[in-house]
Amino acid sequence: VARAARVPRPPPPPPRNSDGTYSYGGLRYYEVVTGNANPNAALPLVVVFHGRGGTPEPFVRHFSRFGGKARIVVPYGIEHAGGGFGWFQSDHRTPNSASHAADESYASDRVAQAVRAIAKRRPTAGKVVAVGFSMGAGLAYALTLQHPETFGFTCAAVGQLPARLFLETRSMRARAEIHGFHGS
């Protein structure tokens, strides 16, 4: 008598913090499952990055109304900036400086590692989708270009990427779809 192969269960989500956020992989974030989807189903993972000095709460409210079935993760930035958070420290007014490019590259590596940990922990369908606004848009561009094995699609609004990072992408073998919105 042959035994049926055992399908491994995905690990449970990390424990929820008292403020409704999760902390895992080095990021503190909100997770919203949309479209009445089963939270244990393999869903597209959409990670939304706020701008410099922002917080995730406005994006959580906005994306929680999304009608499609998806897992929306909205993290807090990894650096304090103004009254909120940012993704790196360097001055956004000098985007092509060597220090800005290095800071953004470091943030991209750190966030990509955290997102991979979250995607491993939560049932995920396909590559991660990166959505960003302002400084978060720059991070979304960097993540998709520097980590195409993880990020397959980007939708970025009102952001920029240092030319050095664009020219020094690690791998052009994996391709991603990128949409940028800037201006009217």
C-alpha atoms as a PDB file:
ATOM      1  CA  VAL A   1       0.000   0.000   0.000  1.00  0.00           C
ATOM      2  CA  ALA A   2       1.542   3.272  -1.083  1.00  0.00           C
ATOM      3  CA  ARG A   3       1.335   6.252   1.227  1.00  0.00           C
ATOM      4  CA  ALA A   4       0.276   9.618  -0.064  1.00  0.00           C
ATOM      5  CA  ALA A   5       3.019  12.209  -0.039  1.00  0.00           C
ATOM      6  CA  ARG A   6       2.726  14.607   2.846  1.00  0.00           C
ATOM      7  CA  VAL A   7       2.332  18.236   1.826  1.00  0.00           C
ATOM      8  CA  PRO A   8       4.229  20.467   4.237  1.00  0.00           C
ATOM      9  CA  ARG A   9       2.159  23.159   5.907  1.00  0.00           C
ATOM     10  CA  PRO A  10       3.458  26.692   5.721  1.00  0.00           C
ATOM     11  CA  PRO A  11       4.625  28.042   9.050  1.00  0.00           C
ATOM     12  CA  PRO A  12       2.114  30.213  10.872  1.00  0.00           C
ATOM     13  CA  PRO A  13       2.447  33.982  10.627  1.00  0.00           C
ATOM     14  CA  PRO A  14       4.655  35.600  13.232  1.00  0.00           C
ATOM     15  CA  PRO A  15       2.825  36.645  16.380  1.00  0.00           C
ATOM     16  CA  ARG A  16       0.948  39.929  16.088  1.00  0.00           C
ATOM     17  CA  ASN A  17       2.248  42.862  18.139  1.00  0.00           C
ATOM     18  CA  SER A  18      -0.150  44.661  20.485  1.00  0.00           C
ATOM     19  CA  ASP A  19      -0.455  47.550  17.983  1.00  0.00           C
ATOM     20  CA  GLY A  20      -1.633  45.245  15.164  1.00  0.00           C
ATOM     21  CA  THR A  21       1.733  45.087  13.402  1.00  0.00           C
ATOM     22  CA  TYR A  22       4.052  42.143  12.894  1.00  0.00           C
ATOM     23  CA  SER A  23       7.819  42.088  13.347  1.00  0.00           C
ATOM     24  CA  TYR A  24       9.698  39.581  11.261  1.00  0.00           C
ATOM     25  CA  GLY A  25      12.825  39.442   9.136  1.00  0.00           C
ATOM     26  CA  GLY A  26      14.006  42.766  10.523  1.00  0.00           C
ATOM     27  CA  LEU A  27      10.916  44.753   9.504  1.00  0.00           C
ATOM     28  CA  ARG A  28       7.920  45.954  11.486  1.00  0.00           C
ATOM     29  CA  TYR A  29       4.890  45.894   9.200  1.00  0.00           C
ATOM     30  CA  TYR A  30       1.160  45.606   8.726  1.00  0.00           C
ATOM     31  CA  GLU A  31      -0.270  42.696   6.783  1.00  0.00           C
ATOM     32  CA  VAL A  32      -3.671  42.913   5.102  1.00  0.00           C
ATOM     33  CA  VAL A  33      -5.286  40.109   3.122  1.00  0.00           C
ATOM     34  CA  THR A  34      -7.679  41.544   0.532  1.00  0.00           C
ATOM     35  CA  GLY A  35     -10.538  40.326  -1.638  1.00  0.00           C
ATOM     36  CA  ASN A  36     -11.903  37.993   1.054  1.00  0.00           C
ATOM     37  CA  ALA A  37      -8.968  35.682   0.351  1.00  0.00           C
ATOM     38  CA  ASN A  38      -8.041  32.845   2.665  1.00  0.00           C
ATOM     39  CA  PRO A  39      -5.029  34.137   4.667  1.00  0.00           C
ATOM     40  CA  ASN A  40      -3.453  30.671   4.461  1.00  0.00           C
ATOM     41  CA  ALA A  41      -3.717  30.493   0.665  1.00  0.00           C
ATOM     42  CA  ALA A  42      -0.764  31.219  -1.609  1.00  0.00           C
ATOM     43  CA  LEU A  43      -1.403  34.816  -2.619  1.00  0.00           C
ATOM     44  CA  PRO A  44       0.474  37.483  -4.557  1.00  0.00           C
ATOM     45  CA  LEU A  45       2.642  39.383  -2.086  1.00  0.00           C
ATOM     46  CA  VAL A  46       2.491  43.159  -2.599  1.00  0.00           C
ATOM     47  CA  VAL A  47       4.909  45.192  -0.480  1.00  0.00           C
ATOM     48  CA  VAL A  48       4.113  48.906  -0.235  1.00  0.00           C
ATOM     49  CA  PHE A  49       6.825  51.429   0.738  1.00  0.00           C
ATOM     50  CA  HIS A  50       5.929  54.870   2.126  1.00  0.00           C
ATOM     51  CA  GLY A  51       7.870  58.059   1.500  1.00  0.00           C
ATOM     52  CA  ARG A  52      10.486  59.817   3.656  1.00  0.00           C
ATOM     53  CA  GLY A  53       9.013  60.968   6.968  1.00  0.00           C
ATOM     54  CA  GLY A  54       5.918  58.835   6.413  1.00  0.00           C
ATOM     55  CA  THR A  55       4.297  55.902   8.130  1.00  0.00           C
ATOM     56  CA  PRO A  56       2.446  52.890   6.740  1.00  0.00           C
ATOM     57  CA  GLU A  57      -0.996  53.648   8.186  1.00  0.00           C
ATOM     58  CA  PRO A  58      -2.351  55.766   5.275  1.00  0.00           C
ATOM     59  CA  PHE A  59      -1.243  53.085   2.820  1.00  0.00           C
ATOM     60  CA  VAL A  60      -2.810  50.319   4.915  1.00  0.00           C
ATOM     61  CA  ARG A  61      -6.155  52.165   4.783  1.00  0.00           C
ATOM     62  CA  HIS A  62      -5.833  52.732   1.044  1.00  0.00           C
ATOM     63  CA  PHE A  63      -4.722  49.237   0.025  1.00  0.00           C
ATOM     64  CA  SER A  64      -7.108  47.420   2.373  1.00  0.00           C
ATOM     65  CA  ARG A  65      -9.877  48.463  -0.056  1.00  0.00           C
ATOM     66  CA  PHE A  66      -8.173  46.640  -2.949  1.00  0.00           C
ATOM     67  CA  GLY A  67     -10.688  44.185  -4.416  1.00  0.00           C
ATOM     68  CA  GLY A  68      -8.237  41.590  -5.732  1.00  0.00           C
ATOM     69  CA  LYS A  69      -7.005  38.642  -3.700  1.00  0.00           C
ATOM     70  CA  ALA A  70      -3.574  39.554  -2.387  1.00  0.00           C
ATOM     71  CA  ARG A  71      -1.414  39.776   0.715  1.00  0.00           C
ATOM     72  CA  ILE A  72      -0.463  43.425   1.228  1.00  0.00           C
ATOM     73  CA  VAL A  73       2.543  44.077   3.466  1.00  0.00           C
ATOM     74  CA  VAL A  74       3.205  47.691   4.444  1.00  0.00           C
ATOM     75  CA  PRO A  75       6.408  48.091   6.483  1.00  0.00           C
ATOM     76  CA  TYR A  76       7.736  50.963   8.524  1.00  0.00           C
ATOM     77  CA  GLY A  77      10.918  52.519   7.153  1.00  0.00           C
ATOM     78  CA  ILE A  78      14.157  51.285   8.706  1.00  0.00           C
ATOM     79  CA  GLU A  79      15.410  54.765   9.695  1.00  0.00           C
ATOM     80  CA  HIS A  80      13.824  57.600  11.697  1.00  0.00           C
ATOM     81  CA  ALA A  81      13.117  60.622   9.480  1.00  0.00           C
ATOM     82  CA  GLY A  82      11.301  63.724  10.678  1.00  0.00           C
ATOM     83  CA  GLY A  83       8.121  62.720  12.478  1.00  0.00           C
ATOM     84  CA  GLY A  84       8.053  59.329  10.756  1.00  0.00           C
ATOM     85  CA  PHE A  85      10.382  56.942   9.007  1.00  0.00           C
ATOM     86  CA  GLY A  86      12.517  56.625   5.895  1.00  0.00           C
ATOM     87  CA  TRP A  87      14.459  53.939   4.108  1.00  0.00           C
ATOM     88  CA  PHE A  88      17.936  55.486   4.211  1.00  0.00           C
ATOM     89  CA  GLN A  89      19.628  58.537   5.741  1.00  0.00           C
ATOM     90  CA  SER A  90      21.281  60.337   2.852  1.00  0.00           C
ATOM     91  CA  ASP A  91      19.927  63.610   1.519  1.00  0.00           C
ATOM     92  CA  HIS A  92      17.283  63.006  -1.132  1.00  0.00           C
ATOM     93  CA  ARG A  93      18.245  66.298  -2.809  1.00  0.00           C
ATOM     94  CA  THR A  94      21.524  64.775  -4.015  1.00  0.00           C
ATOM     95  CA  PRO A  95      20.348  61.476  -5.519  1.00  0.00           C
ATOM     96  CA  ASN A  96      23.392  60.909  -7.702  1.00  0.00           C
ATOM     97  CA  SER A  97      25.984  61.291  -4.971  1.00  0.00           C
ATOM     98  CA  ALA A  98      28.080  58.244  -4.122  1.00  0.00           C
ATOM     99  CA  SER A  99      26.852  58.284  -0.513  1.00  0.00           C
ATOM    100  CA  HIS A 100      23.191  58.371  -1.562  1.00  0.00           C
ATOM    101  CA  ALA A 101      23.689  55.446  -3.955  1.00  0.00           C
ATOM    102  CA  ALA A 102      25.522  53.468  -1.250  1.00  0.00           C
ATOM    103  CA  ASP A 103      22.799  54.190   1.333  1.00  0.00           C
ATOM    104  CA  GLU A 104      20.020  53.195  -1.058  1.00  0.00           C
ATOM    105  CA  SER A 105      21.855  50.033  -2.097  1.00  0.00           C
ATOM    106  CA  TYR A 106      22.366  49.055   1.555  1.00  0.00           C
ATOM    107  CA  ALA A 107      18.666  49.674   2.292  1.00  0.00           C
ATOM    108  CA  SER A 108      17.698  47.638  -0.774  1.00  0.00           C
ATOM    109  CA  ASP A 109      19.786  44.667   0.390  1.00  0.00           C
ATOM    110  CA  ARG A 110      18.461  44.871   3.943  1.00  0.00           C
ATOM    111  CA  VAL A 111      14.803  45.189   2.895  1.00  0.00           C
ATOM    112  CA  ALA A 112      15.122  42.455   0.230  1.00  0.00           C
ATOM    113  CA  GLN A 113      16.445  40.050   2.850  1.00  0.00           C
ATOM    114  CA  ALA A 114      13.504  40.860   5.143  1.00  0.00           C
ATOM    115  CA  VAL A 115      10.941  40.538   2.352  1.00  0.00           C
ATOM    116  CA  ARG A 116      12.371  37.151   1.338  1.00  0.00           C
ATOM    117  CA  ALA A 117      11.995  35.992   4.964  1.00  0.00           C
ATOM    118  CA  ILE A 118       8.372  37.196   5.044  1.00  0.00           C
ATOM    119  CA  ALA A 119       7.627  35.546   1.669  1.00  0.00           C
ATOM    120  CA  LYS A 120       9.059  32.271   2.973  1.00  0.00           C
ATOM    121  CA  ARG A 121       6.969  32.503   6.112  1.00  0.00           C
ATOM    122  CA  ARG A 122       3.708  33.374   4.324  1.00  0.00           C
ATOM    123  CA  PRO A 123       2.255  31.391   1.392  1.00  0.00           C
ATOM    124  CA  THR A 124       3.255  33.441  -1.645  1.00  0.00           C
ATOM    125  CA  ALA A 125       2.287  33.061  -5.307  1.00  0.00           C
ATOM    126  CA  GLY A 126       4.918  34.251  -7.767  1.00  0.00           C
ATOM    127  CA  LYS A 127       7.479  36.979  -7.329  1.00  0.00           C
ATOM    128  CA  VAL A 128       6.923  39.900  -4.987  1.00  0.00           C
ATOM    129  CA  VAL A 129       5.303  43.098  -6.261  1.00  0.00           C
ATOM    130  CA  ALA A 130       6.933  46.332  -5.034  1.00  0.00           C
ATOM    131  CA  VAL A 131       4.852  49.516  -4.767  1.00  0.00           C
ATOM    132  CA  GLY A 132       6.417  52.758  -3.580  1.00  0.00           C
ATOM    133  CA  PHE A 133       5.816  56.449  -3.136  1.00  0.00           C
ATOM    134  CA  SER A 134       8.566  59.101  -3.163  1.00  0.00           C
ATOM    135  CA  MET A 135      11.564  57.693  -1.226  1.00  0.00           C
ATOM    136  CA  GLY A 136       9.668  54.392  -1.164  1.00  0.00           C
ATOM    137  CA  ALA A 137       9.446  54.541  -4.975  1.00  0.00           C
ATOM    138  CA  GLY A 138      13.228  54.864  -5.192  1.00  0.00           C
ATOM    139  CA  LEU A 139      13.526  51.848  -2.918  1.00  0.00           C
ATOM    140  CA  ALA A 140      11.019  49.897  -5.055  1.00  0.00           C
ATOM    141  CA  TYR A 141      13.090  50.642  -8.182  1.00  0.00           C
ATOM    142  CA  ALA A 142      16.294  49.570  -6.407  1.00  0.00           C
ATOM    143  CA  LEU A 143      14.735  46.364  -5.068  1.00  0.00           C
ATOM    144  CA  THR A 144      13.454  45.321  -8.468  1.00  0.00           C
ATOM    145  CA  LEU A 145      16.685  46.085 -10.305  1.00  0.00           C
ATOM    146  CA  GLN A 146      19.054  44.715  -7.651  1.00  0.00           C
ATOM    147  CA  HIS A 147      16.964  41.706  -6.577  1.00  0.00           C
ATOM    148  CA  PRO A 148      15.092  40.490  -9.674  1.00  0.00           C
ATOM    149  CA  GLU A 149      15.039  36.949  -8.317  1.00  0.00           C
ATOM    150  CA  THR A 150      12.626  38.183  -5.619  1.00  0.00           C
ATOM    151  CA  PHE A 151      10.801  41.172  -7.133  1.00  0.00           C
ATOM    152  CA  GLY A 152       9.018  40.716 -10.456  1.00  0.00           C
ATOM    153  CA  PHE A 153       6.924  43.853 -10.789  1.00  0.00           C
ATOM    154  CA  THR A 154       7.205  47.448  -9.607  1.00  0.00           C
ATOM    155  CA  CYS A 155       4.762  50.314  -9.559  1.00  0.00           C
ATOM    156  CA  ALA A 156       6.502  53.464  -8.333  1.00  0.00           C
ATOM    157  CA  ALA A 157       5.093  56.975  -7.990  1.00  0.00           C
ATOM    158  CA  VAL A 158       7.049  60.212  -7.684  1.00  0.00           C
ATOM    159  CA  GLY A 159      10.450  58.655  -7.049  1.00  0.00           C
ATOM    160  CA  GLN A 160      13.909  58.362  -8.470  1.00  0.00           C
ATOM    161  CA  LEU A 161      16.829  55.989  -8.503  1.00  0.00           C
ATOM    162  CA  PRO A 162      20.472  57.078  -8.443  1.00  0.00           C
ATOM    163  CA  ALA A 163      21.973  56.595 -11.906  1.00  0.00           C
ATOM    164  CA  ARG A 164      24.804  54.555 -10.334  1.00  0.00           C
ATOM    165  CA  LEU A 165      22.336  51.936  -9.074  1.00  0.00           C
ATOM    166  CA  PHE A 166      20.636  51.715 -12.442  1.00  0.00           C
ATOM    167  CA  LEU A 167      23.962  51.237 -14.207  1.00  0.00           C
ATOM    168  CA  GLU A 168      25.332  48.797 -11.618  1.00  0.00           C
ATOM    169  CA  THR A 169      22.446  46.338 -11.431  1.00  0.00           C
ATOM    170  CA  ARG A 170      23.550  42.930 -10.271  1.00  0.00           C
ATOM    171  CA  SER A 171      21.743  40.790 -12.782  1.00  0.00           C
ATOM    172  CA  MET A 172      19.994  41.508 -16.003  1.00  0.00           C
ATOM    173  CA  ARG A 173      19.234  37.817 -16.572  1.00  0.00           C
ATOM    174  CA  ALA A 174      16.000  38.038 -14.618  1.00  0.00           C
ATOM    175  CA  ARG A 175      13.638  40.656 -15.981  1.00  0.00           C
ATOM    176  CA  ALA A 176      10.991  42.561 -14.097  1.00  0.00           C
ATOM    177  CA  GLU A 177       8.151  44.760 -15.228  1.00  0.00           C
ATOM    178  CA  ILE A 178       8.548  48.340 -14.009  1.00  0.00           C
ATOM    179  CA  HIS A 179       5.985  51.146 -14.171  1.00  0.00           C
ATOM    180  CA  GLY A 180       6.921  54.602 -12.959  1.00  0.00           C
ATOM    181  CA  PHE A 181       4.540  57.520 -12.499  1.00  0.00           C
ATOM    182  CA  HIS A 182       5.974  60.989 -12.120  1.00  0.00           C
ATOM    183  CA  GLY A 183       4.096  64.184 -12.875  1.00  0.00           C
ATOM    184  CA  SER A 184       0.784  64.659 -14.628  1.00  0.00           C
END
